[in-house]
Amino acid sequence: TGTIYPATPEFLVMPSLPVPKRVQGRTLELRFTIDEHGKIVKVEFESSGDSGYDRQLRERLSEYRFRPAHRMDGTPVPSVYVTQLTL
């Protein structure tokens, strides 16, 4: 109960390079499921239209880290962080 402060990324989301020409300009909604230690448990997004690039992007995004969400008293909690990435 009480206020939960959201997880904060310790990175700037950048697409894996090079971005295939056929997917350039697409915007993907990224959904990170984060544990209480700031480690990414799962990364979800709609396909860019290129399955090989999707695998490469998922691997890269899975390496990122977060400062975990926490309660008012500082207790870390699992959470979900949603953002967008334009390729």
C-alpha atoms as a PDB file:
ATOM      1  CA  THR A   1       0.000   0.000   0.000  1.00  0.00           C
ATOM      2  CA  GLY A   2       1.050   3.614  -0.374  1.00  0.00           C
ATOM      3  CA  THR A   3       2.979   5.416  -3.036  1.00  0.00           C
ATOM      4  CA  ILE A   4       5.201   3.443  -5.407  1.00  0.00           C
ATOM      5  CA  TYR A   5       7.893   5.420  -7.189  1.00  0.00           C
ATOM      6  CA  PRO A   6       8.530   4.071 -10.699  1.00  0.00           C
ATOM      7  CA  ALA A   7      11.652   2.363 -11.945  1.00  0.00           C
ATOM      8  CA  THR A   8      14.066   4.655 -13.745  1.00  0.00           C
ATOM      9  CA  PRO A   9      16.309   3.615 -16.603  1.00  0.00           C
ATOM     10  CA  GLU A  10      20.075   3.884 -16.306  1.00  0.00           C
ATOM     11  CA  PHE A  11      20.349   4.207 -20.086  1.00  0.00           C
ATOM     12  CA  LEU A  12      19.139   5.982 -23.186  1.00  0.00           C
ATOM     13  CA  VAL A  13      17.125   3.642 -25.422  1.00  0.00           C
ATOM     14  CA  MET A  14      18.872   3.414 -28.775  1.00  0.00           C
ATOM     15  CA  PRO A  15      17.970   1.080 -31.636  1.00  0.00           C
ATOM     16  CA  SER A  16      20.402  -1.672 -32.552  1.00  0.00           C
ATOM     17  CA  LEU A  17      22.415  -0.473 -35.524  1.00  0.00           C
ATOM     18  CA  PRO A  18      22.226  -0.708 -38.412  1.00  0.00           C
ATOM     19  CA  VAL A  19      18.440  -0.402 -38.622  1.00  0.00           C
ATOM     20  CA  PRO A  20      17.137  -2.249 -41.706  1.00  0.00           C
ATOM     21  CA  LYS A  21      15.813   0.218 -44.293  1.00  0.00           C
ATOM     22  CA  ARG A  22      12.399  -1.440 -44.436  1.00  0.00           C
ATOM     23  CA  VAL A  23      11.732  -0.780 -40.719  1.00  0.00           C
ATOM     24  CA  GLN A  24      13.283   2.696 -40.419  1.00  0.00           C
ATOM     25  CA  GLY A  25      10.814   5.260 -39.088  1.00  0.00           C
ATOM     26  CA  ARG A  26       8.599   2.709 -37.291  1.00  0.00           C
ATOM     27  CA  THR A  27       7.788   3.411 -33.657  1.00  0.00           C
ATOM     28  CA  LEU A  28       7.699   0.491 -31.238  1.00  0.00           C
ATOM     29  CA  GLU A  29       6.217   0.522 -27.756  1.00  0.00           C
ATOM     30  CA  LEU A  30       8.682  -1.215 -25.425  1.00  0.00           C
ATOM     31  CA  ARG A  31       7.447  -2.888 -22.253  1.00  0.00           C
ATOM     32  CA  PHE A  32      10.114  -3.872 -19.703  1.00  0.00           C
ATOM     33  CA  THR A  33       9.178  -6.116 -16.771  1.00  0.00           C
ATOM     34  CA  ILE A  34      11.687  -5.358 -13.997  1.00  0.00           C
ATOM     35  CA  ASP A  35      12.430  -7.249 -10.789  1.00  0.00           C
ATOM     36  CA  GLU A  36      13.091  -5.669  -7.386  1.00  0.00           C
ATOM     37  CA  HIS A  37      16.840  -5.534  -8.146  1.00  0.00           C
ATOM     38  CA  GLY A  38      16.435  -3.493 -11.342  1.00  0.00           C
ATOM     39  CA  LYS A  39      17.130  -6.482 -13.597  1.00  0.00           C
ATOM     40  CA  ILE A  40      14.979  -6.906 -16.697  1.00  0.00           C
ATOM     41  CA  VAL A  41      12.898 -10.069 -16.504  1.00  0.00           C
ATOM     42  CA  LYS A  42      11.130  -9.638 -19.857  1.00  0.00           C
ATOM     43  CA  VAL A  43      11.135  -7.252 -22.826  1.00  0.00           C
ATOM     44  CA  GLU A  44       8.036  -7.097 -25.010  1.00  0.00           C
ATOM     45  CA  PHE A  45       7.286  -5.169 -28.200  1.00  0.00           C
ATOM     46  CA  GLU A  46       5.357  -5.666 -31.437  1.00  0.00           C
ATOM     47  CA  SER A  47       7.430  -6.953 -34.307  1.00  0.00           C
ATOM     48  CA  SER A  48       9.285  -4.353 -36.329  1.00  0.00           C
ATOM     49  CA  GLY A  49       8.496  -6.439 -39.404  1.00  0.00           C
ATOM     50  CA  ASP A  50      11.975  -8.012 -39.473  1.00  0.00           C
ATOM     51  CA  SER A  51      12.304 -11.056 -37.203  1.00  0.00           C
ATOM     52  CA  GLY A  52      16.118 -11.074 -37.312  1.00  0.00           C
ATOM     53  CA  TYR A  53      16.252  -7.437 -36.264  1.00  0.00           C
ATOM     54  CA  ASP A  54      13.649  -8.117 -33.544  1.00  0.00           C
ATOM     55  CA  ARG A  55      15.930 -10.799 -32.032  1.00  0.00           C
ATOM     56  CA  GLN A  56      18.931  -8.461 -32.144  1.00  0.00           C
ATOM     57  CA  LEU A  57      16.935  -5.619 -30.571  1.00  0.00           C
ATOM     58  CA  ARG A  58      15.516  -7.871 -27.819  1.00  0.00           C
ATOM     59  CA  GLU A  59      19.019  -9.111 -26.923  1.00  0.00           C
ATOM     60  CA  ARG A  60      20.355  -5.575 -26.700  1.00  0.00           C
ATOM     61  CA  LEU A  61      17.421  -4.270 -24.655  1.00  0.00           C
ATOM     62  CA  SER A  62      17.696  -7.230 -22.251  1.00  0.00           C
ATOM     63  CA  GLU A  63      21.173  -6.041 -21.240  1.00  0.00           C
ATOM     64  CA  TYR A  64      19.908  -2.683 -19.952  1.00  0.00           C
ATOM     65  CA  ARG A  65      19.519  -1.946 -16.223  1.00  0.00           C
ATOM     66  CA  PHE A  66      17.084   0.069 -14.131  1.00  0.00           C
ATOM     67  CA  ARG A  67      17.041   1.602 -10.717  1.00  0.00           C
ATOM     68  CA  PRO A  68      14.140  -0.428  -9.310  1.00  0.00           C
ATOM     69  CA  ALA A  69      10.741   0.953  -8.433  1.00  0.00           C
ATOM     70  CA  HIS A  70      10.371   1.459  -4.692  1.00  0.00           C
ATOM     71  CA  ARG A  71       7.909   2.241  -1.959  1.00  0.00           C
ATOM     72  CA  MET A  72       8.021   5.464   0.011  1.00  0.00           C
ATOM     73  CA  ASP A  73      10.157   3.747   2.660  1.00  0.00           C
ATOM     74  CA  GLY A  74      12.752   2.741   0.025  1.00  0.00           C
ATOM     75  CA  THR A  75      11.740  -0.923  -0.248  1.00  0.00           C
ATOM     76  CA  PRO A  76      12.357  -2.013  -3.872  1.00  0.00           C
ATOM     77  CA  VAL A  77       9.456  -3.654  -5.728  1.00  0.00           C
ATOM     78  CA  PRO A  78       8.975  -5.304  -9.142  1.00  0.00           C
ATOM     79  CA  SER A  79       7.388  -3.128 -11.819  1.00  0.00           C
ATOM     80  CA  VAL A  80       6.750  -2.508 -15.501  1.00  0.00           C
ATOM     81  CA  TYR A  81       8.323   0.347 -17.470  1.00  0.00           C
ATOM     82  CA  VAL A  82       6.811   1.382 -20.828  1.00  0.00           C
ATOM     83  CA  THR A  83       8.469   3.651 -23.377  1.00  0.00           C
ATOM     84  CA  GLN A  84       8.629   4.140 -27.147  1.00  0.00           C
ATOM     85  CA  LEU A  85      11.482   3.700 -29.590  1.00  0.00           C
ATOM     86  CA  THR A  86      11.507   5.123 -33.110  1.00  0.00           C
ATOM     87  CA  LEU A  87      13.712   3.124 -35.441  1.00  0.00           C
END
